[in-house]
Amino acid sequence: MQPLMPVAHGLNGRKDKRVAIAIVVHLARIQDGPEDTPELTHTENVSAHGACVVSRHAWHRGELAQVTSFGEQIRLRAKVIHCRRFSADRYVVGLTVQGTRLPG
C-alpha cells in the first residue's frame, strides 16, 4: 500500500490525506445537455473528498465532470478545482466530489 501524502489546505480550509493510486476510470464533462463522450483514463491519487485524474483535455475551474469506475459500479459527479499541464498532451485535473454516488 502506498503511503499517505499530506495535502495543503483546500478552499474550505480542510486537510485531506491523498493516496497515490492509479484507478482506471471514465471521465466526461457534464454540460447543460448530455455528457461528452467519456475519456478512458486513470487517477493519479484519491482522497475521501476527491481525486486527481489524468486527462487529454484542459479543464476549467468550476466545470462539472462525471467520473465512472471502469466496471461502471460507481458514478460520481465532481467539480474541477484545478487543472495543470502534466506533459505535452496530458493534464492533471483536481476534482472534488459533489454530493453522493449517482445511481449506476
PDB file of N, CA and C in Angstrom:
ATOM      1  N   MET A   1       0.840  -1.190   0.000  1.00  0.00           N
ATOM      2  CA  MET A   1       0.000   0.000   0.000  1.00  0.00           C
ATOM      3  C   MET A   1       0.879   1.246   0.000  1.00  0.00           C
ATOM      4  N   GLN A   2       0.474   2.232  -0.759  1.00  0.00           N
ATOM      5  CA  GLN A   2       1.231   3.473  -0.879  1.00  0.00           C
ATOM      6  C   GLN A   2       1.074   4.305   0.394  1.00  0.00           C
ATOM      7  N   PRO A   3       2.106   5.056   0.803  1.00  0.00           N
ATOM      8  CA  PRO A   3       1.976   5.924   1.975  1.00  0.00           C
ATOM      9  C   PRO A   3       1.017   7.075   1.694  1.00  0.00           C
ATOM     10  N   LEU A   4       0.406   7.571   2.746  1.00  0.00           N
ATOM     11  CA  LEU A   4      -0.475   8.735   2.620  1.00  0.00           C
ATOM     12  C   LEU A   4       0.371   9.984   2.485  1.00  0.00           C
ATOM     13  N   MET A   5      -0.109  10.902   1.655  1.00  0.00           N
ATOM     14  CA  MET A   5       0.612  12.148   1.423  1.00  0.00           C
ATOM     15  C   MET A   5      -0.215  13.299   1.970  1.00  0.00           C
ATOM     16  N   PRO A   6       0.371  14.178   2.788  1.00  0.00           N
ATOM     17  CA  PRO A   6      -0.415  15.314   3.278  1.00  0.00           C
ATOM     18  C   PRO A   6      -0.766  16.254   2.142  1.00  0.00           C
ATOM     19  N   VAL A   7      -1.863  16.944   2.285  1.00  0.00           N
ATOM     20  CA  VAL A   7      -2.345  17.867   1.266  1.00  0.00           C
ATOM     21  C   VAL A   7      -2.471  19.243   1.897  1.00  0.00           C
ATOM     22  N   ALA A   8      -2.154  20.257   1.128  1.00  0.00           N
ATOM     23  CA  ALA A   8      -2.325  21.630   1.609  1.00  0.00           C
ATOM     24  C   ALA A   8      -3.796  21.917   1.835  1.00  0.00           C
ATOM     25  N   HIS A   9      -4.074  22.921   2.646  1.00  0.00           N
ATOM     26  CA  HIS A   9      -5.458  23.313   2.900  1.00  0.00           C
ATOM     27  C   HIS A   9      -6.181  23.581   1.593  1.00  0.00           C
ATOM     28  N   GLY A  10      -7.404  23.083   1.470  1.00  0.00           N
ATOM     29  CA  GLY A  10      -8.225  23.326   0.300  1.00  0.00           C
ATOM     30  C   GLY A  10      -8.955  24.642   0.433  1.00  0.00           C
ATOM     31  N   LEU A  11      -9.903  24.885  -0.456  1.00  0.00           N
ATOM     32  CA  LEU A  11     -10.658  26.127  -0.445  1.00  0.00           C
ATOM     33  C   LEU A  11     -11.467  26.285   0.829  1.00  0.00           C
ATOM     34  N   ASN A  12     -11.885  25.160   1.427  1.00  0.00           N
ATOM     35  CA  ASN A  12     -12.706  25.236   2.618  1.00  0.00           C
ATOM     36  C   ASN A  12     -11.879  25.109   3.895  1.00  0.00           C
ATOM     37  N   GLY A  13     -10.544  25.114   3.801  1.00  0.00           N
ATOM     38  CA  GLY A  13      -9.693  25.048   4.971  1.00  0.00           C
ATOM     39  C   GLY A  13      -9.501  23.640   5.503  1.00  0.00           C
ATOM     40  N   ARG A  14     -10.052  22.643   4.850  1.00  0.00           N
ATOM     41  CA  ARG A  14      -9.981  21.255   5.306  1.00  0.00           C
ATOM     42  C   ARG A  14      -8.679  20.634   4.819  1.00  0.00           C
ATOM     43  N   LYS A  15      -8.115  19.747   5.627  1.00  0.00           N
ATOM     44  CA  LYS A  15      -6.949  18.978   5.210  1.00  0.00           C
ATOM     45  C   LYS A  15      -7.390  17.554   4.948  1.00  0.00           C
ATOM     46  N   ASP A  16      -7.005  17.022   3.800  1.00  0.00           N
ATOM     47  CA  ASP A  16      -7.300  15.641   3.451  1.00  0.00           C
ATOM     48  C   ASP A  16      -5.995  14.902   3.234  1.00  0.00           C
ATOM     49  N   LYS A  17      -6.032  13.602   3.379  1.00  0.00           N
ATOM     50  CA  LYS A  17      -4.902  12.751   3.037  1.00  0.00           C
ATOM     51  C   LYS A  17      -5.197  12.153   1.673  1.00  0.00           C
ATOM     52  N   ARG A  18      -4.186  12.122   0.827  1.00  0.00           N
ATOM     53  CA  ARG A  18      -4.337  11.527  -0.505  1.00  0.00           C
ATOM     54  C   ARG A  18      -3.571  10.213  -0.550  1.00  0.00           C
ATOM     55  N   VAL A  19      -4.107   9.270  -1.289  1.00  0.00           N
ATOM     56  CA  VAL A  19      -3.441   8.003  -1.512  1.00  0.00           C
ATOM     57  C   VAL A  19      -3.038   7.968  -2.983  1.00  0.00           C
ATOM     58  N   ALA A  20      -1.746   7.792  -3.240  1.00  0.00           N
ATOM     59  CA  ALA A  20      -1.262   7.710  -4.618  1.00  0.00           C
ATOM     60  C   ALA A  20      -1.648   6.340  -5.164  1.00  0.00           C
ATOM     61  N   ILE A  21      -2.640   6.333  -6.064  1.00  0.00           N
ATOM     62  CA  ILE A  21      -3.124   5.072  -6.630  1.00  0.00           C
ATOM     63  C   ILE A  21      -3.702   5.342  -8.011  1.00  0.00           C
ATOM     64  N   ALA A  22      -3.418   4.436  -8.938  1.00  0.00           N
ATOM     65  CA  ALA A  22      -3.968   4.554 -10.292  1.00  0.00           C
ATOM     66  C   ALA A  22      -5.201   3.657 -10.389  1.00  0.00           C
ATOM     67  N   ILE A  23      -6.347   4.271 -10.608  1.00  0.00           N
ATOM     68  CA  ILE A  23      -7.609   3.565 -10.775  1.00  0.00           C
ATOM     69  C   ILE A  23      -8.135   3.928 -12.158  1.00  0.00           C
ATOM     70  N   VAL A  24      -8.466   2.931 -12.958  1.00  0.00           N
ATOM     71  CA  VAL A  24      -8.984   3.189 -14.301  1.00  0.00           C
ATOM     72  C   VAL A  24     -10.415   3.710 -14.186  1.00  0.00           C
ATOM     73  N   VAL A  25     -10.671   4.853 -14.848  1.00  0.00           N
ATOM     74  CA  VAL A  25     -11.994   5.481 -14.800  1.00  0.00           C
ATOM     75  C   VAL A  25     -12.358   6.043 -16.174  1.00  0.00           C
ATOM     76  N   HIS A  26     -13.636   6.320 -16.344  1.00  0.00           N
ATOM     77  CA  HIS A  26     -14.126   7.091 -17.489  1.00  0.00           C
ATOM     78  C   HIS A  26     -14.383   8.499 -16.969  1.00  0.00           C
ATOM     79  N   LEU A  27     -13.933   9.519 -17.697  1.00  0.00           N
ATOM     80  CA  LEU A  27     -14.092  10.919 -17.310  1.00  0.00           C
ATOM     81  C   LEU A  27     -14.853  11.642 -18.408  1.00  0.00           C
ATOM     82  N   ALA A  28     -15.920  12.350 -18.047  1.00  0.00           N
ATOM     83  CA  ALA A  28     -16.715  13.078 -19.049  1.00  0.00           C
ATOM     84  C   ALA A  28     -17.157  14.413 -18.485  1.00  0.00           C
ATOM     85  N   ARG A  29     -17.200  15.425 -19.360  1.00  0.00           N
ATOM     86  CA  ARG A  29     -17.738  16.732 -18.973  1.00  0.00           C
ATOM     87  C   ARG A  29     -19.252  16.625 -18.861  1.00  0.00           C
ATOM     88  N   ILE A  30     -19.805  17.338 -17.894  1.00  0.00           N
ATOM     89  CA  ILE A  30     -21.258  17.461 -17.766  1.00  0.00           C
ATOM     90  C   ILE A  30     -21.589  18.894 -18.140  1.00  0.00           C
ATOM     91  N   GLN A  31     -22.420  19.063 -19.156  1.00  0.00           N
ATOM     92  CA  GLN A  31     -22.811  20.396 -19.601  1.00  0.00           C
ATOM     93  C   GLN A  31     -24.306  20.532 -19.447  1.00  0.00           C
ATOM     94  N   ASP A  32     -24.885  21.558 -20.047  1.00  0.00           N
ATOM     95  CA  ASP A  32     -26.330  21.750 -19.985  1.00  0.00           C
ATOM     96  C   ASP A  32     -27.074  20.588 -20.632  1.00  0.00           C
ATOM     97  N   GLY A  33     -26.468  19.981 -21.636  1.00  0.00           N
ATOM     98  CA  GLY A  33     -27.083  18.852 -22.331  1.00  0.00           C
ATOM     99  C   GLY A  33     -26.482  17.547 -21.853  1.00  0.00           C
ATOM    100  N   PRO A  34     -26.492  16.541 -22.707  1.00  0.00           N
ATOM    101  CA  PRO A  34     -25.916  15.250 -22.347  1.00  0.00           C
ATOM    102  C   PRO A  34     -24.414  15.350 -22.114  1.00  0.00           C
ATOM    103  N   GLU A  35     -23.885  14.362 -21.445  1.00  0.00           N
ATOM    104  CA  GLU A  35     -22.451  14.326 -21.165  1.00  0.00           C
ATOM    105  C   GLU A  35     -21.665  14.185 -22.461  1.00  0.00           C
ATOM    106  N   ASP A  36     -20.414  14.655 -22.428  1.00  0.00           N
ATOM    107  CA  ASP A  36     -19.498  14.417 -23.537  1.00  0.00           C
ATOM    108  C   ASP A  36     -19.172  12.925 -23.596  1.00  0.00           C
ATOM    109  N   THR A  37     -18.569  12.501 -24.689  1.00  0.00           N
ATOM    110  CA  THR A  37     -18.098  11.126 -24.785  1.00  0.00           C
ATOM    111  C   THR A  37     -17.043  10.899 -23.713  1.00  0.00           C
ATOM    112  N   PRO A  38     -17.199   9.868 -22.895  1.00  0.00           N
ATOM    113  CA  PRO A  38     -16.230   9.643 -21.815  1.00  0.00           C
ATOM    114  C   PRO A  38     -14.838   9.316 -22.333  1.00  0.00           C
ATOM    115  N   GLU A  39     -13.850   9.788 -21.610  1.00  0.00           N
ATOM    116  CA  GLU A  39     -12.440   9.523 -21.893  1.00  0.00           C
ATOM    117  C   GLU A  39     -11.982   8.425 -20.934  1.00  0.00           C
ATOM    118  N   LEU A  40     -11.367   7.372 -21.446  1.00  0.00           N
ATOM    119  CA  LEU A  40     -10.821   6.317 -20.602  1.00  0.00           C
ATOM    120  C   LEU A  40      -9.470   6.793 -20.090  1.00  0.00           C
ATOM    121  N   THR A  41      -9.318   6.876 -18.772  1.00  0.00           N
ATOM    122  CA  THR A  41      -8.113   7.427 -18.186  1.00  0.00           C
ATOM    123  C   THR A  41      -7.881   6.791 -16.818  1.00  0.00           C
ATOM    124  N   HIS A  42      -7.108   7.465 -15.955  1.00  0.00           N
ATOM    125  CA  HIS A  42      -6.825   6.917 -14.623  1.00  0.00           C
ATOM    126  C   HIS A  42      -6.586   8.038 -13.618  1.00  0.00           C
ATOM    127  N   THR A  43      -6.710   7.677 -12.359  1.00  0.00           N
ATOM    128  CA  THR A  43      -6.431   8.633 -11.290  1.00  0.00           C
ATOM    129  C   THR A  43      -4.930   8.676 -11.030  1.00  0.00           C
ATOM    130  N   GLU A  44      -4.496   9.791 -10.475  1.00  0.00           N
ATOM    131  CA  GLU A  44      -3.122   9.927 -10.007  1.00  0.00           C
ATOM    132  C   GLU A  44      -3.092   9.692  -8.494  1.00  0.00           C
ATOM    133  N   ASN A  45      -4.126  10.205  -7.824  1.00  0.00           N
ATOM    134  CA  ASN A  45      -4.296   9.984  -6.392  1.00  0.00           C
ATOM    135  C   ASN A  45      -5.754  10.230  -6.024  1.00  0.00           C
ATOM    136  N   VAL A  46      -6.163   9.731  -4.861  1.00  0.00           N
ATOM    137  CA  VAL A  46      -7.538   9.898  -4.402  1.00  0.00           C
ATOM    138  C   VAL A  46      -7.543  10.260  -2.919  1.00  0.00           C
ATOM    139  N   SER A  47      -8.629  10.900  -2.483  1.00  0.00           N
ATOM    140  CA  SER A  47      -8.851  11.208  -1.073  1.00  0.00           C
ATOM    141  C   SER A  47     -10.319  10.945  -0.771  1.00  0.00           C
ATOM    142  N   ALA A  48     -10.705  11.171   0.454  1.00  0.00           N
ATOM    143  CA  ALA A  48     -12.096  10.960   0.839  1.00  0.00           C
ATOM    144  C   ALA A  48     -13.037  11.931   0.133  1.00  0.00           C
ATOM    145  N   HIS A  49     -12.514  13.054  -0.361  1.00  0.00           N
ATOM    146  CA  HIS A  49     -13.370  14.091  -0.932  1.00  0.00           C
ATOM    147  C   HIS A  49     -13.132  14.368  -2.408  1.00  0.00           C
ATOM    148  N   GLY A  50     -12.203  13.641  -3.039  1.00  0.00           N
ATOM    149  CA  GLY A  50     -11.949  13.904  -4.443  1.00  0.00           C
ATOM    150  C   GLY A  50     -10.812  13.083  -4.994  1.00  0.00           C
ATOM    151  N   ALA A  51     -10.319  13.510  -6.146  1.00  0.00           N
ATOM    152  CA  ALA A  51      -9.240  12.785  -6.827  1.00  0.00           C
ATOM    153  C   ALA A  51      -8.542  13.700  -7.817  1.00  0.00           C
ATOM    154  N   CYS A  52      -7.332  13.328  -8.186  1.00  0.00           N
ATOM    155  CA  CYS A  52      -6.643  13.936  -9.316  1.00  0.00           C
ATOM    156  C   CYS A  52      -6.669  12.905 -10.426  1.00  0.00           C
ATOM    157  N   VAL A  53      -7.169  13.323 -11.588  1.00  0.00           N
ATOM    158  CA  VAL A  53      -7.365  12.431 -12.726  1.00  0.00           C
ATOM    159  C   VAL A  53      -6.561  12.969 -13.908  1.00  0.00           C
ATOM    160  N   VAL A  54      -5.906  12.084 -14.636  1.00  0.00           N
ATOM    161  CA  VAL A  54      -5.149  12.469 -15.818  1.00  0.00           C
ATOM    162  C   VAL A  54      -6.119  12.570 -16.991  1.00  0.00           C
ATOM    163  N   SER A  55      -5.999  13.638 -17.802  1.00  0.00           N
ATOM    164  CA  SER A  55      -6.896  13.847 -18.934  1.00  0.00           C
ATOM    165  C   SER A  55      -6.116  14.315 -20.154  1.00  0.00           C
ATOM    166  N   ARG A  56      -6.647  14.017 -21.330  1.00  0.00           N
ATOM    167  CA  ARG A  56      -6.058  14.526 -22.580  1.00  0.00           C
ATOM    168  C   ARG A  56      -6.479  15.972 -22.830  1.00  0.00           C
ATOM    169  N   HIS A  57      -7.446  16.458 -22.062  1.00  0.00           N
ATOM    170  CA  HIS A  57      -8.026  17.774 -22.305  1.00  0.00           C
ATOM    171  C   HIS A  57      -7.803  18.719 -21.126  1.00  0.00           C
ATOM    172  N   ALA A  58      -7.646  19.996 -21.440  1.00  0.00           N
ATOM    173  CA  ALA A  58      -7.597  21.017 -20.388  1.00  0.00           C
ATOM    174  C   ALA A  58      -9.014  21.237 -19.861  1.00  0.00           C
ATOM    175  N   TRP A  59      -9.135  21.420 -18.574  1.00  0.00           N
ATOM    176  CA  TRP A  59     -10.418  21.676 -17.920  1.00  0.00           C
ATOM    177  C   TRP A  59     -10.342  23.025 -17.233  1.00  0.00           C
ATOM    178  N   HIS A  60     -11.502  23.625 -16.977  1.00  0.00           N
ATOM    179  CA  HIS A  60     -11.559  24.922 -16.314  1.00  0.00           C
ATOM    180  C   HIS A  60     -12.160  24.766 -14.919  1.00  0.00           C
ATOM    181  N   ARG A  61     -11.614  25.548 -14.013  1.00  0.00           N
ATOM    182  CA  ARG A  61     -12.118  25.548 -12.643  1.00  0.00           C
ATOM    183  C   ARG A  61     -13.634  25.771 -12.655  1.00  0.00           C
ATOM    184  N   GLY A  62     -14.356  24.951 -11.884  1.00  0.00           N
ATOM    185  CA  GLY A  62     -15.801  25.084 -11.787  1.00  0.00           C
ATOM    186  C   GLY A  62     -16.573  24.180 -12.734  1.00  0.00           C
ATOM    187  N   GLU A  63     -15.912  23.623 -13.767  1.00  0.00           N
ATOM    188  CA  GLU A  63     -16.610  22.701 -14.668  1.00  0.00           C
ATOM    189  C   GLU A  63     -17.053  21.465 -13.889  1.00  0.00           C
ATOM    190  N   LEU A  64     -18.160  20.873 -14.349  1.00  0.00           N
ATOM    191  CA  LEU A  64     -18.659  19.648 -13.734  1.00  0.00           C
ATOM    192  C   LEU A  64     -18.242  18.449 -14.568  1.00  0.00           C
ATOM    193  N   ALA A  65     -17.903  17.373 -13.875  1.00  0.00           N
ATOM    194  CA  ALA A  65     -17.457  16.154 -14.530  1.00  0.00           C
ATOM    195  C   ALA A  65     -18.185  14.956 -13.942  1.00  0.00           C
ATOM    196  N   GLN A  66     -18.286  13.920 -14.735  1.00  0.00           N
ATOM    197  CA  GLN A  66     -18.765  12.645 -14.231  1.00  0.00           C
ATOM    198  C   GLN A  66     -17.601  11.671 -14.294  1.00  0.00           C
ATOM    199  N   VAL A  67     -17.329  11.017 -13.176  1.00  0.00           N
ATOM    200  CA  VAL A  67     -16.271  10.024 -13.088  1.00  0.00           C
ATOM    201  C   VAL A  67     -16.957   8.683 -12.845  1.00  0.00           C
ATOM    202  N   THR A  68     -16.703   7.739 -13.732  1.00  0.00           N
ATOM    203  CA  THR A  68     -17.330   6.422 -13.640  1.00  0.00           C
ATOM    204  C   THR A  68     -16.241   5.368 -13.535  1.00  0.00           C
ATOM    205  N   SER A  69     -16.390   4.460 -12.581  1.00  0.00           N
ATOM    206  CA  SER A  69     -15.409   3.386 -12.457  1.00  0.00           C
ATOM    207  C   SER A  69     -15.421   2.543 -13.725  1.00  0.00           C
ATOM    208  N   PHE A  70     -14.308   1.880 -14.006  1.00  0.00           N
ATOM    209  CA  PHE A  70     -14.163   1.113 -15.242  1.00  0.00           C
ATOM    210  C   PHE A  70     -15.266   0.063 -15.387  1.00  0.00           C
ATOM    211  N   GLY A  71     -15.641  -0.581 -14.316  1.00  0.00           N
ATOM    212  CA  GLY A  71     -16.712  -1.569 -14.358  1.00  0.00           C
ATOM    213  C   GLY A  71     -18.089  -0.965 -14.214  1.00  0.00           C
ATOM    214  N   GLU A  72     -18.170   0.358 -14.140  1.00  0.00           N
ATOM    215  CA  GLU A  72     -19.401   1.136 -14.038  1.00  0.00           C
ATOM    216  C   GLU A  72     -20.224   0.855 -12.778  1.00  0.00           C
ATOM    217  N   GLN A  73     -19.570   0.360 -11.708  1.00  0.00           N
ATOM    218  CA  GLN A  73     -20.276   0.162 -10.457  1.00  0.00           C
ATOM    219  C   GLN A  73     -20.496   1.482  -9.720  1.00  0.00           C
ATOM    220  N   ILE A  74     -19.601   2.428  -9.935  1.00  0.00           N
ATOM    221  CA  ILE A  74     -19.672   3.708  -9.221  1.00  0.00           C
ATOM    222  C   ILE A  74     -19.642   4.852 -10.219  1.00  0.00           C
ATOM    223  N   ARG A  75     -20.587   5.792 -10.073  1.00  0.00           N
ATOM    224  CA  ARG A  75     -20.603   7.034 -10.857  1.00  0.00           C
ATOM    225  C   ARG A  75     -20.660   8.183  -9.874  1.00  0.00           C
ATOM    226  N   LEU A  76     -19.734   9.117 -10.031  1.00  0.00           N
ATOM    227  CA  LEU A  76     -19.676  10.287  -9.157  1.00  0.00           C
ATOM    228  C   LEU A  76     -19.719  11.556  -9.981  1.00  0.00           C
ATOM    229  N   ARG A  77     -20.399  12.557  -9.453  1.00  0.00           N
ATOM    230  CA  ARG A  77     -20.373  13.889 -10.038  1.00  0.00           C
ATOM    231  C   ARG A  77     -19.318  14.674  -9.263  1.00  0.00           C
ATOM    232  N   ALA A  78     -18.483  15.395  -9.994  1.00  0.00           N
ATOM    233  CA  ALA A  78     -17.396  16.128  -9.356  1.00  0.00           C
ATOM    234  C   ALA A  78     -17.256  17.510  -9.985  1.00  0.00           C
ATOM    235  N   LYS A  79     -16.581  18.383  -9.258  1.00  0.00           N
ATOM    236  CA  LYS A  79     -16.331  19.753  -9.718  1.00  0.00           C
ATOM    237  C   LYS A  79     -14.823  19.951  -9.827  1.00  0.00           C
ATOM    238  N   VAL A  80     -14.391  20.584 -10.913  1.00  0.00           N
ATOM    239  CA  VAL A  80     -12.964  20.847 -11.128  1.00  0.00           C
ATOM    240  C   VAL A  80     -12.504  21.947 -10.180  1.00  0.00           C
ATOM    241  N   ILE A  81     -11.437  21.653  -9.436  1.00  0.00           N
ATOM    242  CA  ILE A  81     -10.868  22.684  -8.554  1.00  0.00           C
ATOM    243  C   ILE A  81      -9.536  23.204  -9.076  1.00  0.00           C
ATOM    244  N   HIS A  82      -8.863  22.408  -9.917  1.00  0.00           N
ATOM    245  CA  HIS A  82      -7.653  22.900 -10.592  1.00  0.00           C
ATOM    246  C   HIS A  82      -7.336  21.998 -11.774  1.00  0.00           C
ATOM    247  N   CYS A  83      -6.541  22.527 -12.678  1.00  0.00           N
ATOM    248  CA  CYS A  83      -6.069  21.762 -13.833  1.00  0.00           C
ATOM    249  C   CYS A  83      -4.668  22.255 -14.144  1.00  0.00           C
ATOM    250  N   ARG A  84      -3.722  21.317 -14.247  1.00  0.00           N
ATOM    251  CA  ARG A  84      -2.345  21.705 -14.584  1.00  0.00           C
ATOM    252  C   ARG A  84      -1.803  20.776 -15.659  1.00  0.00           C
ATOM    253  N   ARG A  85      -0.947  21.329 -16.504  1.00  0.00           N
ATOM    254  CA  ARG A  85      -0.321  20.530 -17.568  1.00  0.00           C
ATOM    255  C   ARG A  85       0.601  19.508 -16.914  1.00  0.00           C
ATOM    256  N   PHE A  86       0.482  18.265 -17.346  1.00  0.00           N
ATOM    257  CA  PHE A  86       1.271  17.155 -16.811  1.00  0.00           C
ATOM    258  C   PHE A  86       2.395  16.787 -17.775  1.00  0.00           C
ATOM    259  N   SER A  87       2.070  16.824 -19.070  1.00  0.00           N
ATOM    260  CA  SER A  87       3.043  16.554 -20.125  1.00  0.00           C
ATOM    261  C   SER A  87       2.571  17.294 -21.374  1.00  0.00           C
ATOM    262  N   ALA A  88       3.225  17.047 -22.493  1.00  0.00           N
ATOM    263  CA  ALA A  88       2.868  17.769 -23.719  1.00  0.00           C
ATOM    264  C   ALA A  88       1.411  17.554 -24.113  1.00  0.00           C
ATOM    265  N   ASP A  89       0.865  16.377 -23.810  1.00  0.00           N
ATOM    266  CA  ASP A  89      -0.507  16.088 -24.239  1.00  0.00           C
ATOM    267  C   ASP A  89      -1.401  15.572 -23.102  1.00  0.00           C
ATOM    268  N   ARG A  90      -1.036  15.860 -21.858  1.00  0.00           N
ATOM    269  CA  ARG A  90      -1.829  15.395 -20.722  1.00  0.00           C
ATOM    270  C   ARG A  90      -1.934  16.489 -19.661  1.00  0.00           C
ATOM    271  N   TYR A  91      -3.046  16.448 -18.928  1.00  0.00           N
ATOM    272  CA  TYR A  91      -3.311  17.379 -17.834  1.00  0.00           C
ATOM    273  C   TYR A  91      -3.691  16.570 -16.595  1.00  0.00           C
ATOM    274  N   VAL A  92      -3.395  17.121 -15.432  1.00  0.00           N
ATOM    275  CA  VAL A  92      -3.887  16.542 -14.185  1.00  0.00           C
ATOM    276  C   VAL A  92      -5.006  17.451 -13.699  1.00  0.00           C
ATOM    277  N   VAL A  93      -6.186  16.849 -13.509  1.00  0.00           N
ATOM    278  CA  VAL A  93      -7.383  17.596 -13.132  1.00  0.00           C
ATOM    279  C   VAL A  93      -7.743  17.243 -11.697  1.00  0.00           C
ATOM    280  N   GLY A  94      -7.753  18.252 -10.824  1.00  0.00           N
ATOM    281  CA  GLY A  94      -8.156  18.053  -9.437  1.00  0.00           C
ATOM    282  C   GLY A  94      -9.667  18.173  -9.335  1.00  0.00           C
ATOM    283  N   LEU A  95     -10.303  17.144  -8.796  1.00  0.00           N
ATOM    284  CA  LEU A  95     -11.763  17.099  -8.693  1.00  0.00           C
ATOM    285  C   LEU A  95     -12.183  16.951  -7.236  1.00  0.00           C
ATOM    286  N   THR A  96     -13.265  17.613  -6.885  1.00  0.00           N
ATOM    287  CA  THR A  96     -13.885  17.415  -5.579  1.00  0.00           C
ATOM    288  C   THR A  96     -15.274  16.829  -5.815  1.00  0.00           C
ATOM    289  N   VAL A  97     -15.600  15.806  -5.057  1.00  0.00           N
ATOM    290  CA  VAL A  97     -16.865  15.109  -5.248  1.00  0.00           C
ATOM    291  C   VAL A  97     -18.030  16.005  -4.825  1.00  0.00           C
ATOM    292  N   GLN A  98     -19.063  16.037  -5.653  1.00  0.00           N
ATOM    293  CA  GLN A  98     -20.264  16.825  -5.398  1.00  0.00           C
ATOM    294  C   GLN A  98     -21.374  15.874  -4.972  1.00  0.00           C
ATOM    295  N   GLY A  99     -21.766  15.903  -3.727  1.00  0.00           N
ATOM    296  CA  GLY A  99     -22.867  15.049  -3.284  1.00  0.00           C
ATOM    297  C   GLY A  99     -22.432  13.613  -3.119  1.00  0.00           C
ATOM    298  N   THR A 100     -23.303  12.704  -3.493  1.00  0.00           N
ATOM    299  CA  THR A 100     -23.062  11.288  -3.268  1.00  0.00           C
ATOM    300  C   THR A 100     -23.047  10.519  -4.573  1.00  0.00           C
ATOM    301  N   ARG A 101     -22.888   9.253  -4.453  1.00  0.00           N
ATOM    302  CA  ARG A 101     -22.850   8.345  -5.606  1.00  0.00           C
ATOM    303  C   ARG A 101     -24.150   8.433  -6.404  1.00  0.00           C
ATOM    304  N   LEU A 102     -24.012   8.469  -7.715  1.00  0.00           N
ATOM    305  CA  LEU A 102     -25.162   8.505  -8.599  1.00  0.00           C
ATOM    306  C   LEU A 102     -25.605   7.081  -8.906  1.00  0.00           C
ATOM    307  N   PRO A 103     -26.895   6.872  -9.142  1.00  0.00           N
ATOM    308  CA  PRO A 103     -27.320   5.516  -9.491  1.00  0.00           C
ATOM    309  C   PRO A 103     -26.649   5.056 -10.773  1.00  0.00           C
ATOM    310  N   GLY A 104     -26.186   3.809 -10.808  1.00  0.00           N
ATOM    311  CA  GLY A 104     -25.482   3.287 -11.972  1.00  0.00           C
ATOM    312  C   GLY A 104     -26.409   2.504 -12.747  1.00  0.00           C
TER     313      GLY A 104
END
